[in-house]
Every structure is written in C-alpha cells, then in structure tokens.
N, C-alpha and C. Protein backbone atom coordinates (compact mmCIF):
# COMPACT_ATOMS: atom_id res chain seq x y z
N SER A 1 26.52 29.92 97.31
CA SER A 1 27.66 30.24 96.46
C SER A 1 28.95 29.82 97.16
N ASP A 2 30.06 29.81 96.37
CA ASP A 2 31.36 29.44 96.94
C ASP A 2 31.80 30.43 98.00
N LEU A 3 31.50 31.71 97.79
CA LEU A 3 31.89 32.73 98.76
C LEU A 3 31.18 32.51 100.09
N ARG A 4 29.88 32.15 100.02
CA ARG A 4 29.11 31.89 101.23
C ARG A 4 29.66 30.67 101.97
N LYS A 5 30.04 29.63 101.22
CA LYS A 5 30.59 28.44 101.86
C LYS A 5 31.93 28.73 102.52
N GLN A 6 32.76 29.54 101.86
CA GLN A 6 34.05 29.91 102.45
C GLN A 6 33.85 30.73 103.72
N GLU A 7 32.83 31.58 103.70
CA GLU A 7 32.54 32.40 104.89
C GLU A 7 32.08 31.53 106.04
N GLU A 8 31.25 30.53 105.75
CA GLU A 8 30.76 29.63 106.79
C GLU A 8 31.89 28.79 107.38
N ARG A 9 32.88 28.43 106.55
CA ARG A 9 34.01 27.65 107.04
C ARG A 9 35.07 28.51 107.71
N GLY A 10 34.89 29.82 107.69
CA GLY A 10 35.84 30.73 108.32
C GLY A 10 37.06 31.00 107.48
N GLU A 11 37.03 30.67 106.19
CA GLU A 11 38.20 30.84 105.34
C GLU A 11 38.43 32.29 104.94
N LEU A 12 37.43 33.15 105.12
CA LEU A 12 37.59 34.56 104.78
C LEU A 12 38.11 35.39 105.95
N LEU A 13 38.14 34.77 107.14
CA LEU A 13 38.55 35.51 108.32
C LEU A 13 40.03 35.86 108.28
N GLN A 14 40.87 34.91 107.88
CA GLN A 14 42.31 35.16 107.85
C GLN A 14 42.70 36.26 106.87
N PRO A 15 42.21 36.25 105.62
CA PRO A 15 42.52 37.37 104.71
C PRO A 15 42.05 38.70 105.26
N LEU A 16 40.89 38.72 105.93
CA LEU A 16 40.37 39.96 106.50
C LEU A 16 41.28 40.48 107.60
N ILE A 17 41.74 39.58 108.48
CA ILE A 17 42.65 39.96 109.56
C ILE A 17 43.97 40.48 108.98
N PHE A 18 44.45 39.82 107.93
CA PHE A 18 45.71 40.24 107.30
C PHE A 18 45.57 41.65 106.72
N VAL A 19 44.48 41.91 106.04
CA VAL A 19 44.25 43.24 105.46
C VAL A 19 44.15 44.29 106.56
N LEU A 20 43.48 43.96 107.66
CA LEU A 20 43.37 44.90 108.78
C LEU A 20 44.74 45.18 109.41
N LEU A 21 45.58 44.16 109.50
CA LEU A 21 46.93 44.35 110.03
C LEU A 21 47.76 45.25 109.11
N VAL A 22 47.64 45.04 107.81
CA VAL A 22 48.35 45.90 106.86
C VAL A 22 47.88 47.33 106.98
N LEU A 23 46.56 47.52 107.08
CA LEU A 23 46.00 48.86 107.24
C LEU A 23 46.47 49.50 108.54
N CYS A 24 46.50 48.72 109.62
CA CYS A 24 46.99 49.22 110.91
C CYS A 24 48.45 49.62 110.81
N SER A 25 49.24 48.82 110.10
CA SER A 25 50.66 49.13 109.91
C SER A 25 50.85 50.44 109.17
N VAL A 26 50.06 50.65 108.11
CA VAL A 26 50.16 51.89 107.33
C VAL A 26 49.76 53.09 108.17
N LEU A 27 48.67 52.96 108.95
CA LEU A 27 48.20 54.07 109.79
C LEU A 27 49.23 54.40 110.87
N LEU A 28 49.83 53.37 111.46
CA LEU A 28 50.86 53.61 112.48
C LEU A 28 52.08 54.29 111.87
N TYR A 29 52.43 53.89 110.65
CA TYR A 29 53.57 54.52 109.98
C TYR A 29 53.36 56.02 109.83
N PHE A 30 52.20 56.39 109.30
CA PHE A 30 51.92 57.82 109.09
C PHE A 30 51.78 58.57 110.41
N LYS A 31 51.21 57.89 111.41
CA LYS A 31 51.06 58.52 112.72
C LYS A 31 52.42 58.83 113.33
N VAL A 32 53.33 57.84 113.32
CA VAL A 32 54.66 58.03 113.92
C VAL A 32 55.48 59.03 113.12
N SER A 33 55.36 59.00 111.80
CA SER A 33 56.19 59.86 110.97
C SER A 33 55.72 61.31 110.95
N LEU A 34 54.43 61.54 111.18
CA LEU A 34 53.89 62.90 111.08
C LEU A 34 53.71 63.59 112.43
N MET A 35 53.72 62.85 113.53
CA MET A 35 53.44 63.45 114.83
C MET A 35 54.68 64.12 115.42
N ASP A 36 54.44 64.99 116.37
CA ASP A 36 55.51 65.66 117.12
C ASP A 36 56.17 64.61 118.02
N PRO A 37 57.47 64.33 117.83
CA PRO A 37 58.13 63.31 118.66
C PRO A 37 58.47 63.79 120.06
N GLY A 38 58.21 65.07 120.34
CA GLY A 38 58.55 65.63 121.64
C GLY A 38 59.47 66.82 121.51
N PHE A 39 59.19 67.68 120.54
CA PHE A 39 60.03 68.85 120.33
C PHE A 39 59.98 69.77 121.55
N VAL A 40 61.13 70.30 121.93
CA VAL A 40 61.21 71.24 123.04
C VAL A 40 60.81 72.62 122.54
N LYS A 41 59.79 73.20 123.17
CA LYS A 41 59.30 74.52 122.77
C LYS A 41 59.96 75.59 123.63
N PRO A 42 60.27 76.75 123.05
CA PRO A 42 60.88 77.84 123.83
C PRO A 42 60.02 78.28 125.00
N GLU A 43 58.68 78.24 124.83
CA GLU A 43 57.80 78.70 125.90
C GLU A 43 57.74 77.74 127.07
N GLU A 44 58.35 76.55 126.94
CA GLU A 44 58.34 75.56 128.00
C GLU A 44 59.53 75.70 128.93
N GLU A 45 60.39 76.69 128.69
CA GLU A 45 61.63 76.81 129.48
C GLU A 45 61.36 77.15 130.93
N GLU A 46 60.31 77.92 131.21
CA GLU A 46 60.05 78.34 132.59
C GLU A 46 59.79 77.11 133.45
N GLY A 47 60.58 76.97 134.47
CA GLY A 47 60.40 75.85 135.40
C GLY A 47 60.88 74.53 134.86
N GLU A 48 61.61 74.54 133.74
CA GLU A 48 62.06 73.30 133.12
C GLU A 48 63.02 72.54 134.02
N GLY A 49 63.84 73.28 134.75
CA GLY A 49 64.86 72.62 135.57
C GLY A 49 64.31 72.01 136.83
N GLU A 50 63.09 72.37 137.24
CA GLU A 50 62.54 71.86 138.49
C GLU A 50 62.28 70.37 138.37
N GLY A 51 62.78 69.63 139.29
CA GLY A 51 62.54 68.20 139.32
C GLY A 51 63.49 67.38 138.47
N GLN A 52 64.34 68.04 137.66
CA GLN A 52 65.25 67.28 136.82
C GLN A 52 66.26 66.50 137.66
N GLY A 53 66.74 67.11 138.71
CA GLY A 53 67.74 66.44 139.53
C GLY A 53 67.21 65.19 140.19
N ALA A 54 65.89 65.14 140.46
CA ALA A 54 65.30 63.98 141.11
C ALA A 54 65.33 62.75 140.21
N LEU A 55 65.48 62.95 138.90
CA LEU A 55 65.49 61.83 137.98
C LEU A 55 66.74 60.99 138.16
N ILE A 56 67.86 61.64 138.44
CA ILE A 56 69.12 60.92 138.62
C ILE A 56 69.83 61.48 139.86
N PRO A 57 69.43 61.05 141.05
CA PRO A 57 69.98 61.62 142.28
C PRO A 57 71.47 61.41 142.46
N GLN A 58 72.06 60.43 141.74
CA GLN A 58 73.48 60.17 141.91
C GLN A 58 74.36 61.05 141.02
N THR A 59 73.73 61.92 140.24
CA THR A 59 74.49 62.78 139.35
C THR A 59 74.97 64.01 140.10
N PRO A 60 76.24 64.40 139.91
CA PRO A 60 76.76 65.58 140.61
C PRO A 60 75.91 66.82 140.37
N GLY A 61 75.75 67.63 141.41
CA GLY A 61 74.87 68.79 141.32
C GLY A 61 75.38 69.90 140.43
N HIS A 62 76.70 69.86 140.07
CA HIS A 62 77.22 70.96 139.27
C HIS A 62 76.85 70.84 137.80
N ILE A 63 76.23 69.70 137.40
CA ILE A 63 75.80 69.57 136.02
C ILE A 63 74.52 70.36 135.82
N LYS A 64 74.56 71.37 134.98
CA LYS A 64 73.41 72.24 134.74
C LYS A 64 72.81 71.96 133.37
N LEU A 65 71.53 72.30 133.26
CA LEU A 65 70.90 72.20 131.95
C LEU A 65 71.56 73.20 131.01
N ARG A 66 71.92 72.75 129.82
CA ARG A 66 72.62 73.64 128.91
C ARG A 66 71.67 74.16 127.84
N ARG A 67 72.02 75.29 127.27
CA ARG A 67 71.23 75.88 126.20
C ARG A 67 71.75 75.35 124.86
N CYS A 68 70.83 74.94 124.01
CA CYS A 68 71.20 74.37 122.72
C CYS A 68 71.88 75.43 121.85
N GLY A 69 72.98 75.07 121.23
CA GLY A 69 73.72 76.00 120.39
C GLY A 69 73.09 76.22 119.03
N TYR A 70 72.06 75.42 118.71
CA TYR A 70 71.42 75.54 117.40
C TYR A 70 70.08 76.29 117.48
N CYS A 71 69.15 75.78 118.32
CA CYS A 71 67.83 76.42 118.40
C CYS A 71 67.69 77.30 119.64
N LEU A 72 68.76 77.35 120.49
CA LEU A 72 68.85 78.28 121.62
C LEU A 72 67.81 78.05 122.71
N VAL A 73 67.19 76.86 122.76
CA VAL A 73 66.29 76.54 123.87
C VAL A 73 67.09 75.84 124.95
N LYS A 74 66.61 75.91 126.19
CA LYS A 74 67.26 75.21 127.29
C LYS A 74 66.87 73.74 127.22
N GLN A 75 67.84 72.87 127.05
CA GLN A 75 67.57 71.46 126.85
C GLN A 75 67.22 70.76 128.16
N PRO A 76 66.09 70.06 128.22
CA PRO A 76 65.80 69.22 129.39
C PRO A 76 66.76 68.02 129.42
N MET A 77 66.81 67.35 130.56
CA MET A 77 67.62 66.14 130.67
C MET A 77 67.17 65.13 129.62
N ARG A 78 68.11 64.48 128.96
CA ARG A 78 67.90 63.42 127.96
C ARG A 78 67.44 63.96 126.61
N ALA A 79 67.39 65.27 126.45
CA ALA A 79 67.02 65.84 125.14
C ALA A 79 68.27 66.02 124.29
N ARG A 80 68.05 66.07 122.98
CA ARG A 80 69.17 66.27 122.05
C ARG A 80 68.66 67.01 120.83
N HIS A 81 69.53 67.82 120.25
CA HIS A 81 69.15 68.54 119.04
C HIS A 81 69.35 67.65 117.81
N CYS A 82 68.33 67.59 116.96
CA CYS A 82 68.41 66.85 115.70
C CYS A 82 68.60 67.86 114.58
N GLN A 83 69.72 67.78 113.90
CA GLN A 83 70.02 68.74 112.85
C GLN A 83 69.16 68.52 111.61
N LEU A 84 68.59 67.33 111.44
CA LEU A 84 67.71 67.07 110.30
C LEU A 84 66.33 67.66 110.54
N CYS A 85 65.83 67.54 111.78
CA CYS A 85 64.51 68.10 112.12
C CYS A 85 64.61 69.56 112.56
N GLN A 86 65.83 70.02 112.88
CA GLN A 86 66.05 71.39 113.34
C GLN A 86 65.31 71.70 114.64
N HIS A 87 65.25 70.71 115.53
CA HIS A 87 64.59 70.88 116.83
C HIS A 87 65.32 70.03 117.86
N CYS A 88 65.19 70.46 119.12
CA CYS A 88 65.61 69.60 120.23
C CYS A 88 64.45 68.67 120.56
N VAL A 89 64.76 67.40 120.79
CA VAL A 89 63.73 66.39 121.01
C VAL A 89 63.88 65.80 122.40
N ARG A 90 62.77 65.76 123.16
CA ARG A 90 62.78 65.18 124.50
C ARG A 90 63.00 63.66 124.43
N ARG A 91 63.80 63.16 125.35
CA ARG A 91 64.14 61.72 125.41
C ARG A 91 64.45 61.21 124.00
N TYR A 92 65.37 61.91 123.37
CA TYR A 92 65.76 61.61 121.99
C TYR A 92 66.31 60.19 121.89
N ASP A 93 65.78 59.42 120.94
CA ASP A 93 66.31 58.07 120.71
C ASP A 93 67.16 58.04 119.44
N HIS A 94 66.56 58.38 118.31
CA HIS A 94 67.32 58.45 117.06
C HIS A 94 66.45 59.12 116.00
N HIS A 95 67.08 59.52 114.91
CA HIS A 95 66.33 60.03 113.76
C HIS A 95 66.20 58.89 112.76
N CYS A 96 64.96 58.51 112.46
CA CYS A 96 64.71 57.37 111.59
C CYS A 96 64.58 57.83 110.14
N PRO A 97 65.47 57.42 109.24
CA PRO A 97 65.38 57.84 107.84
C PRO A 97 64.16 57.28 107.13
N TRP A 98 63.64 56.13 107.58
CA TRP A 98 62.46 55.54 106.94
C TRP A 98 61.21 56.32 107.29
N LEU A 99 61.17 56.90 108.49
CA LEU A 99 60.03 57.71 108.92
C LEU A 99 60.20 59.17 108.55
N VAL A 100 61.43 59.57 108.26
CA VAL A 100 61.79 60.99 108.03
C VAL A 100 61.33 61.80 109.24
N ASN A 101 61.57 61.28 110.42
CA ASN A 101 61.18 61.93 111.66
C ASN A 101 62.02 61.35 112.80
N CYS A 102 62.11 62.12 113.88
CA CYS A 102 62.81 61.62 115.06
C CYS A 102 61.92 60.66 115.84
N VAL A 103 62.54 59.76 116.55
CA VAL A 103 61.85 58.92 117.54
C VAL A 103 62.22 59.46 118.90
N GLY A 104 61.22 59.96 119.62
CA GLY A 104 61.48 60.59 120.90
C GLY A 104 60.43 60.26 121.93
N GLU A 105 60.28 61.12 122.90
CA GLU A 105 59.44 60.86 124.05
C GLU A 105 57.98 60.53 123.68
N ARG A 106 57.42 61.25 122.73
CA ARG A 106 56.00 61.11 122.44
C ARG A 106 55.66 59.97 121.50
N ASN A 107 56.52 59.70 120.51
CA ASN A 107 56.16 58.69 119.51
C ASN A 107 56.93 57.37 119.64
N HIS A 108 57.80 57.26 120.65
CA HIS A 108 58.58 56.03 120.80
C HIS A 108 57.69 54.82 121.06
N PRO A 109 56.69 54.88 121.96
CA PRO A 109 55.81 53.72 122.15
C PRO A 109 55.07 53.32 120.87
N LEU A 110 54.61 54.31 120.10
CA LEU A 110 53.93 54.01 118.84
C LEU A 110 54.90 53.42 117.83
N PHE A 111 56.16 53.83 117.89
CA PHE A 111 57.18 53.26 117.01
C PHE A 111 57.36 51.77 117.31
N ILE A 112 57.35 51.40 118.59
CA ILE A 112 57.45 49.99 118.97
C ILE A 112 56.22 49.22 118.47
N ALA A 113 55.03 49.84 118.60
CA ALA A 113 53.81 49.20 118.11
C ALA A 113 53.87 49.00 116.60
N TYR A 114 54.40 50.00 115.90
CA TYR A 114 54.54 49.90 114.44
C TYR A 114 55.47 48.75 114.05
N LEU A 115 56.62 48.65 114.72
CA LEU A 115 57.55 47.57 114.43
C LEU A 115 56.91 46.20 114.69
N SER A 116 56.14 46.10 115.78
CA SER A 116 55.51 44.83 116.13
C SER A 116 54.50 44.40 115.08
N VAL A 117 53.62 45.33 114.69
CA VAL A 117 52.61 45.02 113.67
C VAL A 117 53.28 44.71 112.34
N GLN A 118 54.31 45.48 112.00
CA GLN A 118 55.01 45.26 110.73
C GLN A 118 55.67 43.89 110.70
N LEU A 119 56.22 43.45 111.83
CA LEU A 119 56.85 42.13 111.90
C LEU A 119 55.82 41.02 111.68
N VAL A 120 54.65 41.16 112.30
CA VAL A 120 53.59 40.17 112.11
C VAL A 120 53.16 40.11 110.64
N VAL A 121 53.00 41.27 110.01
CA VAL A 121 52.61 41.32 108.60
C VAL A 121 53.67 40.65 107.72
N LEU A 122 54.94 40.94 107.98
CA LEU A 122 56.02 40.36 107.18
C LEU A 122 56.09 38.85 107.34
N LEU A 123 55.99 38.37 108.59
CA LEU A 123 56.05 36.92 108.82
C LEU A 123 54.86 36.22 108.18
N TRP A 124 53.69 36.84 108.27
CA TRP A 124 52.49 36.27 107.66
C TRP A 124 52.65 36.25 106.14
N GLY A 125 53.13 37.36 105.57
CA GLY A 125 53.35 37.42 104.13
C GLY A 125 54.39 36.41 103.68
N GLY A 126 55.45 36.22 104.49
CA GLY A 126 56.47 35.23 104.16
C GLY A 126 55.90 33.82 104.16
N HIS A 127 55.02 33.55 105.12
CA HIS A 127 54.37 32.23 105.18
C HIS A 127 53.51 31.99 103.94
N VAL A 128 52.77 33.02 103.53
CA VAL A 128 51.93 32.89 102.33
C VAL A 128 52.78 32.66 101.09
N ALA A 129 53.87 33.43 100.97
CA ALA A 129 54.75 33.27 99.80
C ALA A 129 55.38 31.88 99.78
N TRP A 130 55.81 31.39 100.94
CA TRP A 130 56.44 30.07 101.01
C TRP A 130 55.45 28.96 100.70
N SER A 131 54.22 29.09 101.20
CA SER A 131 53.21 28.06 100.98
C SER A 131 52.79 27.97 99.52
N GLY A 132 53.03 29.05 98.76
CA GLY A 132 52.67 29.03 97.34
C GLY A 132 53.75 28.42 96.46
N LEU A 133 54.87 28.03 97.04
CA LEU A 133 55.97 27.47 96.27
C LEU A 133 55.92 25.94 96.25
N TYR A 134 56.14 25.37 95.11
CA TYR A 134 56.36 23.92 95.00
C TYR A 134 57.59 23.76 94.11
N PHE A 135 58.58 23.06 94.60
CA PHE A 135 59.90 23.06 93.98
C PHE A 135 60.04 21.97 92.92
N GLU A 136 60.53 22.40 91.76
CA GLU A 136 60.89 21.50 90.67
C GLU A 136 62.18 22.01 90.04
N GLN A 137 63.01 21.13 89.58
CA GLN A 137 64.28 21.51 88.96
C GLN A 137 64.09 21.66 87.45
N SER A 138 63.52 22.79 87.07
CA SER A 138 63.32 23.07 85.65
C SER A 138 63.29 24.58 85.44
N TRP A 139 63.71 24.99 84.25
CA TRP A 139 63.71 26.41 83.90
C TRP A 139 62.29 26.95 83.83
N GLU A 140 61.37 26.14 83.35
CA GLU A 140 59.96 26.57 83.25
C GLU A 140 59.38 26.85 84.63
N TRP A 141 59.73 25.98 85.60
CA TRP A 141 59.25 26.20 86.97
C TRP A 141 59.79 27.51 87.53
N LEU A 142 61.09 27.79 87.27
CA LEU A 142 61.69 29.02 87.76
C LEU A 142 61.03 30.24 87.16
N GLN A 143 60.69 30.19 85.88
CA GLN A 143 60.03 31.31 85.23
C GLN A 143 58.67 31.60 85.84
N HIS A 144 57.94 30.56 86.20
CA HIS A 144 56.61 30.72 86.76
C HIS A 144 56.62 31.12 88.24
N ASN A 145 57.74 30.87 88.93
CA ASN A 145 57.79 31.12 90.38
C ASN A 145 58.81 32.16 90.79
N ILE A 146 59.40 32.85 89.82
CA ILE A 146 60.44 33.83 90.14
C ILE A 146 59.90 34.95 91.02
N PHE A 147 58.66 35.36 90.76
CA PHE A 147 58.07 36.45 91.57
C PHE A 147 57.92 36.03 93.03
N LEU A 148 57.44 34.81 93.26
CA LEU A 148 57.28 34.32 94.63
C LEU A 148 58.63 34.17 95.32
N LEU A 149 59.64 33.70 94.58
CA LEU A 149 60.97 33.54 95.16
C LEU A 149 61.57 34.88 95.57
N VAL A 150 61.47 35.88 94.68
CA VAL A 150 61.98 37.22 95.00
C VAL A 150 61.21 37.82 96.17
N SER A 151 59.88 37.64 96.17
CA SER A 151 59.05 38.16 97.26
C SER A 151 59.44 37.55 98.59
N PHE A 152 59.64 36.23 98.59
CA PHE A 152 60.02 35.56 99.83
C PHE A 152 61.39 36.02 100.32
N PHE A 153 62.33 36.20 99.39
CA PHE A 153 63.67 36.65 99.76
C PHE A 153 63.62 38.06 100.37
N LEU A 154 62.87 38.98 99.75
CA LEU A 154 62.76 40.34 100.27
C LEU A 154 62.07 40.35 101.63
N ILE A 155 61.00 39.57 101.75
CA ILE A 155 60.28 39.50 103.02
C ILE A 155 61.19 38.96 104.12
N PHE A 156 62.00 37.97 103.78
CA PHE A 156 62.93 37.38 104.76
C PHE A 156 63.93 38.43 105.24
N ILE A 157 64.50 39.20 104.31
CA ILE A 157 65.48 40.22 104.67
C ILE A 157 64.84 41.29 105.56
N PHE A 158 63.68 41.79 105.14
CA PHE A 158 63.00 42.83 105.93
C PHE A 158 62.57 42.31 107.29
N SER A 159 62.18 41.05 107.37
CA SER A 159 61.77 40.47 108.65
C SER A 159 62.94 40.44 109.62
N ILE A 160 64.13 40.07 109.12
CA ILE A 160 65.32 40.04 109.97
C ILE A 160 65.64 41.45 110.48
N VAL A 161 65.57 42.44 109.59
CA VAL A 161 65.87 43.83 109.97
C VAL A 161 64.88 44.32 111.03
N VAL A 162 63.59 44.11 110.80
CA VAL A 162 62.57 44.58 111.74
C VAL A 162 62.69 43.84 113.07
N LEU A 163 62.96 42.54 113.02
CA LEU A 163 63.11 41.76 114.25
C LEU A 163 64.28 42.27 115.09
N LEU A 164 65.41 42.53 114.44
CA LEU A 164 66.58 43.04 115.16
C LEU A 164 66.29 44.41 115.75
N LEU A 165 65.61 45.27 114.99
CA LEU A 165 65.25 46.59 115.50
C LEU A 165 64.34 46.48 116.72
N LEU A 166 63.32 45.62 116.61
CA LEU A 166 62.36 45.47 117.71
C LEU A 166 63.02 44.92 118.96
N VAL A 167 63.85 43.90 118.81
CA VAL A 167 64.51 43.28 119.96
C VAL A 167 65.47 44.28 120.62
N SER A 168 66.24 45.01 119.81
CA SER A 168 67.19 45.97 120.37
C SER A 168 66.48 47.09 121.11
N HIS A 169 65.37 47.58 120.56
CA HIS A 169 64.63 48.65 121.23
C HIS A 169 63.98 48.15 122.52
N LEU A 170 63.43 46.94 122.50
CA LEU A 170 62.83 46.40 123.72
C LEU A 170 63.88 46.21 124.80
N TYR A 171 65.09 45.81 124.41
CA TYR A 171 66.17 45.67 125.39
C TYR A 171 66.52 47.02 125.99
N LEU A 172 66.67 48.05 125.15
CA LEU A 172 67.01 49.38 125.65
C LEU A 172 65.91 49.94 126.54
N ILE A 173 64.65 49.69 126.15
CA ILE A 173 63.52 50.16 126.96
C ILE A 173 63.53 49.47 128.32
N SER A 174 63.83 48.17 128.34
CA SER A 174 63.86 47.44 129.62
C SER A 174 64.96 47.95 130.53
N CYS A 175 65.98 48.59 129.94
CA CYS A 175 67.07 49.19 130.72
C CYS A 175 66.84 50.68 130.97
N ASN A 176 65.76 51.22 130.44
CA ASN A 176 65.45 52.65 130.52
C ASN A 176 66.60 53.50 130.00
N THR A 177 67.02 53.17 128.79
CA THR A 177 68.02 53.98 128.11
C THR A 177 67.58 54.16 126.66
N THR A 178 68.21 55.05 125.94
CA THR A 178 67.87 55.30 124.54
C THR A 178 69.03 54.89 123.65
N THR A 179 68.75 54.80 122.37
CA THR A 179 69.81 54.46 121.41
C THR A 179 70.95 55.47 121.48
N TRP A 180 70.58 56.75 121.55
CA TRP A 180 71.60 57.81 121.63
C TRP A 180 72.44 57.68 122.90
N GLU A 181 71.79 57.45 124.05
CA GLU A 181 72.52 57.31 125.30
C GLU A 181 73.39 56.05 125.30
N PHE A 182 72.88 54.98 124.71
CA PHE A 182 73.62 53.72 124.67
C PHE A 182 74.88 53.85 123.80
N MET A 183 74.76 54.57 122.68
CA MET A 183 75.88 54.69 121.75
C MET A 183 76.85 55.79 122.14
N SER A 184 76.37 56.80 122.88
CA SER A 184 77.21 57.98 123.14
C SER A 184 77.33 58.31 124.61
N SER A 185 77.28 57.32 125.48
CA SER A 185 77.31 57.58 126.93
C SER A 185 78.59 58.28 127.36
N HIS A 186 79.69 58.04 126.63
CA HIS A 186 80.97 58.65 126.98
C HIS A 186 81.01 60.15 126.66
N ARG A 187 80.05 60.62 125.85
CA ARG A 187 80.03 62.03 125.46
C ARG A 187 78.93 62.82 126.16
N ILE A 188 78.07 62.14 126.93
CA ILE A 188 76.93 62.80 127.57
C ILE A 188 77.30 63.12 129.01
N SER A 189 77.22 64.40 129.37
CA SER A 189 77.72 64.85 130.68
C SER A 189 77.01 64.16 131.84
N TYR A 190 75.68 64.05 131.79
CA TYR A 190 74.95 63.50 132.94
C TYR A 190 75.16 62.00 133.08
N LEU A 191 75.69 61.32 132.06
CA LEU A 191 76.05 59.91 132.18
C LEU A 191 77.53 59.74 132.49
N ARG A 192 78.35 60.59 131.90
CA ARG A 192 79.80 60.48 132.09
C ARG A 192 80.20 60.76 133.54
N HIS A 193 79.48 61.68 134.20
CA HIS A 193 79.81 62.06 135.57
C HIS A 193 78.95 61.36 136.62
N SER A 194 78.08 60.47 136.18
CA SER A 194 77.20 59.79 137.13
C SER A 194 77.95 58.67 137.85
N GLN A 195 77.58 58.45 139.11
CA GLN A 195 78.19 57.37 139.89
C GLN A 195 77.64 56.01 139.47
N LEU A 196 76.52 56.00 138.75
CA LEU A 196 75.91 54.76 138.29
C LEU A 196 76.11 54.62 136.78
N GLU A 197 76.24 53.39 136.32
CA GLU A 197 76.41 53.15 134.88
C GLU A 197 75.18 53.62 134.10
N ASN A 198 73.99 53.36 134.66
CA ASN A 198 72.75 53.85 134.07
C ASN A 198 71.86 54.38 135.19
N PRO A 199 71.91 55.68 135.47
CA PRO A 199 71.16 56.23 136.61
C PRO A 199 69.65 56.24 136.42
N PHE A 200 69.17 55.96 135.22
CA PHE A 200 67.73 55.97 134.97
C PHE A 200 67.09 54.60 135.20
N ASP A 201 67.89 53.55 135.29
CA ASP A 201 67.38 52.19 135.41
C ASP A 201 66.69 51.99 136.75
N GLN A 202 65.41 51.59 136.71
CA GLN A 202 64.63 51.34 137.93
C GLN A 202 64.11 49.91 137.98
N GLY A 203 64.74 49.03 137.23
CA GLY A 203 64.29 47.64 137.18
C GLY A 203 63.45 47.41 135.93
N ILE A 204 63.52 46.18 135.39
CA ILE A 204 62.87 45.89 134.11
C ILE A 204 61.38 46.16 134.14
N ILE A 205 60.70 45.69 135.18
CA ILE A 205 59.23 45.81 135.23
C ILE A 205 58.82 47.27 135.28
N LEU A 206 59.44 48.05 136.16
CA LEU A 206 59.08 49.45 136.29
C LEU A 206 59.48 50.24 135.04
N ASN A 207 60.60 49.88 134.43
CA ASN A 207 61.01 50.55 133.20
C ASN A 207 59.98 50.35 132.09
N LEU A 208 59.55 49.08 131.90
CA LEU A 208 58.56 48.79 130.88
C LEU A 208 57.22 49.43 131.19
N TRP A 209 56.83 49.41 132.46
CA TRP A 209 55.55 49.99 132.87
C TRP A 209 55.52 51.48 132.57
N ARG A 210 56.58 52.18 132.95
CA ARG A 210 56.60 53.63 132.76
C ARG A 210 56.70 54.01 131.28
N PHE A 211 57.32 53.16 130.48
CA PHE A 211 57.45 53.47 129.06
C PHE A 211 56.11 53.28 128.34
N PHE A 212 55.45 52.13 128.56
CA PHE A 212 54.24 51.81 127.81
C PHE A 212 52.97 52.34 128.48
N CYS A 213 53.02 52.58 129.78
CA CYS A 213 51.80 52.97 130.49
C CYS A 213 51.87 54.38 131.02
C-alpha cells in the first residue's frame, strides 16, 4: 500500500517527530504552569538565614533577611512576593501571564525547555506553511491560500517573540541573574549595597551548570 511505501522511505518519520514535539510542548506547558515555582513555606523559616551570607560575600553584613509584608514569611535571598500568586517565590524571575504562574527556582529550567521546544515547533510549522505556498498574482489564488498566509504570518510573529524570550533568558542565566534583579537592581537592597555589580556571577560555565544541573 501507499502507506507502507511511505513508511519504508521514511516519509512518516518527520510527521511523527513533529507530533511528538507538539505533545512534549503541551506537556511542558501544563507542567510549568501547574507546578510549585518555589513558594516559600512558613515552616521553612527555621534556619533559613544560615548560609545566605555565603552566597554573596561582598554584601555588607548589616543587610538582614526581611519579613514579607504580605504573607509574613521571612524572605530568603533573591525571593520576592508575587501579588498575583499571593506567595513569596524563591529566586523569583517573573510572573508569566501566559502560564498564569510565576517562574521561579523550581520551574525556571523547565520554562527554558518549554521555550526551546516551542521554538522548534513554530519554526517547523512555519517551514511547512511556507512550503505549501506557490505565489500567483490573482484574487482566486489569494482566496485559496489566505489560510496559509495568515498561518505563516502568525507563526512568524510568535517565533520572533519566543526567540527573543529564549535568548534573553539564556543571557540572564549565563550571568546568574533574574529578570526581576536585572530590571530592579536599584531597588533591591542586597544588590544596591553590594560592592559587585552582580555578586552572584560565578562565570558563564559555572552559572549554566548550576542552573541546568
């Protein structure tokens, strides 16, 4: 049969891989959006301050861990309260409206994996949409190909957005900083009073290793 011949030629492998990537993207989305991003629990306060100073030895010793004015837990270093989630989040990066969840210490690596898989799916889908187009200057051609044109345009826009997000996050990870710290360093006490511009930076290789591994 034709299906058997396509299988022997390997023509069914690419659609199968594409479907698996889409499925992986959907599973990663739900995993990142539903998991605990690193909420600070009240019962974790005991001994929370131990070892915090070792993270940034150049920071003045008078900077103390402060108690959150909203949920009243003692905030660890690099944590921030999210008013949308109503929790303090460890190594807070940002609150993602598309995920309806914070990106923090626990789900940030999976968020990067999700963006990477999503970018591959979008680029692959854009290639498929583009390959299905054959250009003619006629109204009839436009009527028959309007769906492909709109699909390609939307895929192109989303690909640019995802690519910029992925590149910016990889850059911040390589510097061992977060979106919140990068945008608000002038308002964060442990960065404002530090003798170093970024006291968490330990070099690109070690930063990436500690984040992903």
